[in-house]
Amino acid sequence: MNGFDIITAFAIILCARLGIRLFTQYKKMKQEDHEAPSEDKKPPQS
């Protein structure tokens, strides 16, 4: 493997890790979104 191959492999690994992190955060936010509207409909307490 020459230098370019190593850099390319490193970039692919970093992009895959970023994609997985973004996807898991998206799923977590989407799941919280489904739970949040029931709380938003409560009348404000003074």
N, C-alpha and C. Protein backbone atom coordinates (compact mmCIF):
# COMPACT_ATOMS: atom_id res chain seq x y z
N MET A 1 0.86 -1.19 0.00
CA MET A 1 0.00 0.00 0.00
C MET A 1 0.89 1.24 0.00
N ASN A 2 0.58 2.11 -0.92
CA ASN A 2 1.34 3.36 -0.90
C ASN A 2 0.60 4.37 -0.01
N GLY A 3 1.12 5.56 0.10
CA GLY A 3 0.57 6.58 1.00
C GLY A 3 -0.86 6.96 0.67
N PHE A 4 -1.15 7.04 -0.63
CA PHE A 4 -2.51 7.45 -1.03
C PHE A 4 -3.55 6.42 -0.60
N ASP A 5 -3.21 5.14 -0.71
CA ASP A 5 -4.13 4.08 -0.28
C ASP A 5 -4.41 4.16 1.22
N ILE A 6 -3.38 4.45 1.99
CA ILE A 6 -3.54 4.53 3.44
C ILE A 6 -4.44 5.71 3.79
N ILE A 7 -4.20 6.86 3.16
CA ILE A 7 -5.01 8.05 3.43
C ILE A 7 -6.45 7.81 3.00
N THR A 8 -6.67 7.16 1.88
CA THR A 8 -8.03 6.87 1.41
C THR A 8 -8.75 5.94 2.39
N ALA A 9 -8.08 4.90 2.84
CA ALA A 9 -8.69 3.97 3.79
C ALA A 9 -9.02 4.70 5.10
N PHE A 10 -8.14 5.55 5.57
CA PHE A 10 -8.36 6.32 6.78
C PHE A 10 -9.57 7.24 6.63
N ALA A 11 -9.69 7.90 5.47
CA ALA A 11 -10.82 8.80 5.23
C ALA A 11 -12.14 8.03 5.17
N ILE A 12 -12.13 6.86 4.56
CA ILE A 12 -13.35 6.05 4.48
C ILE A 12 -13.79 5.61 5.87
N ILE A 13 -12.84 5.21 6.71
CA ILE A 13 -13.18 4.80 8.08
C ILE A 13 -13.76 5.96 8.86
N LEU A 14 -13.17 7.15 8.74
CA LEU A 14 -13.67 8.31 9.46
C LEU A 14 -15.07 8.72 8.97
N CYS A 15 -15.29 8.67 7.68
CA CYS A 15 -16.61 9.02 7.14
C CYS A 15 -17.67 8.01 7.59
N ALA A 16 -17.32 6.74 7.65
CA ALA A 16 -18.27 5.72 8.10
C ALA A 16 -18.62 5.93 9.57
N ARG A 17 -17.62 6.24 10.38
CA ARG A 17 -17.89 6.48 11.81
C ARG A 17 -18.78 7.71 11.98
N LEU A 18 -18.54 8.76 11.22
CA LEU A 18 -19.36 9.96 11.30
C LEU A 18 -20.79 9.66 10.87
N GLY A 19 -20.96 8.89 9.81
CA GLY A 19 -22.28 8.55 9.34
C GLY A 19 -23.06 7.74 10.37
N ILE A 20 -22.39 6.79 11.01
CA ILE A 20 -23.05 5.98 12.04
C ILE A 20 -23.45 6.85 13.21
N ARG A 21 -22.57 7.77 13.61
CA ARG A 21 -22.89 8.65 14.74
C ARG A 21 -24.07 9.55 14.41
N LEU A 22 -24.09 10.12 13.21
CA LEU A 22 -25.20 10.97 12.81
C LEU A 22 -26.51 10.19 12.74
N PHE A 23 -26.46 8.98 12.23
CA PHE A 23 -27.67 8.16 12.11
C PHE A 23 -28.24 7.80 13.48
N THR A 24 -27.36 7.43 14.41
CA THR A 24 -27.85 7.08 15.74
C THR A 24 -28.42 8.29 16.46
N GLN A 25 -27.80 9.46 16.29
CA GLN A 25 -28.34 10.68 16.90
C GLN A 25 -29.69 11.04 16.28
N TYR A 26 -29.82 10.84 14.97
CA TYR A 26 -31.08 11.12 14.28
C TYR A 26 -32.19 10.21 14.81
N LYS A 27 -31.88 8.93 14.99
CA LYS A 27 -32.88 8.00 15.51
C LYS A 27 -33.28 8.38 16.93
N LYS A 28 -32.30 8.78 17.75
CA LYS A 28 -32.61 9.17 19.12
C LYS A 28 -33.49 10.41 19.15
N MET A 29 -33.20 11.40 18.31
CA MET A 29 -34.01 12.61 18.26
C MET A 29 -35.41 12.30 17.75
N LYS A 30 -35.52 11.41 16.77
CA LYS A 30 -36.82 11.03 16.21
C LYS A 30 -37.65 10.33 17.28
N GLN A 31 -37.02 9.48 18.08
CA GLN A 31 -37.72 8.77 19.14
C GLN A 31 -38.20 9.75 20.20
N GLU A 32 -37.40 10.74 20.56
CA GLU A 32 -37.80 11.74 21.54
C GLU A 32 -38.91 12.62 20.98
N ASP A 33 -38.92 12.82 19.68
CA ASP A 33 -39.95 13.62 19.03
C ASP A 33 -41.33 12.99 19.21
N HIS A 34 -41.39 11.67 19.13
CA HIS A 34 -42.67 10.97 19.29
C HIS A 34 -43.18 11.07 20.73
N GLU A 35 -42.28 11.14 21.68
CA GLU A 35 -42.67 11.21 23.08
C GLU A 35 -43.00 12.65 23.50
N ALA A 36 -42.38 13.64 22.89
CA ALA A 36 -42.52 15.03 23.30
C ALA A 36 -43.91 15.63 23.06
N PRO A 37 -44.60 15.38 21.95
CA PRO A 37 -45.88 16.06 21.73
C PRO A 37 -46.90 15.83 22.83
N SER A 38 -46.92 14.68 23.46
CA SER A 38 -47.89 14.43 24.53
C SER A 38 -47.61 15.34 25.71
N GLU A 39 -46.34 15.70 25.93
CA GLU A 39 -46.00 16.61 27.01
C GLU A 39 -46.33 18.05 26.64
N ASP A 40 -46.22 18.39 25.35
CA ASP A 40 -46.48 19.76 24.91
C ASP A 40 -47.96 20.12 25.00
N LYS A 41 -48.85 19.15 24.96
CA LYS A 41 -50.28 19.42 24.96
C LYS A 41 -50.84 19.72 26.35
N LYS A 42 -50.00 19.51 27.38
CA LYS A 42 -50.47 19.81 28.73
C LYS A 42 -50.63 21.32 28.89
N PRO A 43 -51.66 21.77 29.60
CA PRO A 43 -51.81 23.21 29.82
C PRO A 43 -50.71 23.73 30.74
N PRO A 44 -50.27 24.95 30.53
CA PRO A 44 -49.20 25.49 31.38
C PRO A 44 -49.68 25.67 32.82
N GLN A 45 -48.81 25.35 33.75
CA GLN A 45 -49.17 25.49 35.16
C GLN A 45 -48.58 26.77 35.71
N SER A 46 -49.39 27.56 36.38
CA SER A 46 -48.90 28.84 36.93
C SER A 46 -48.56 28.71 38.39
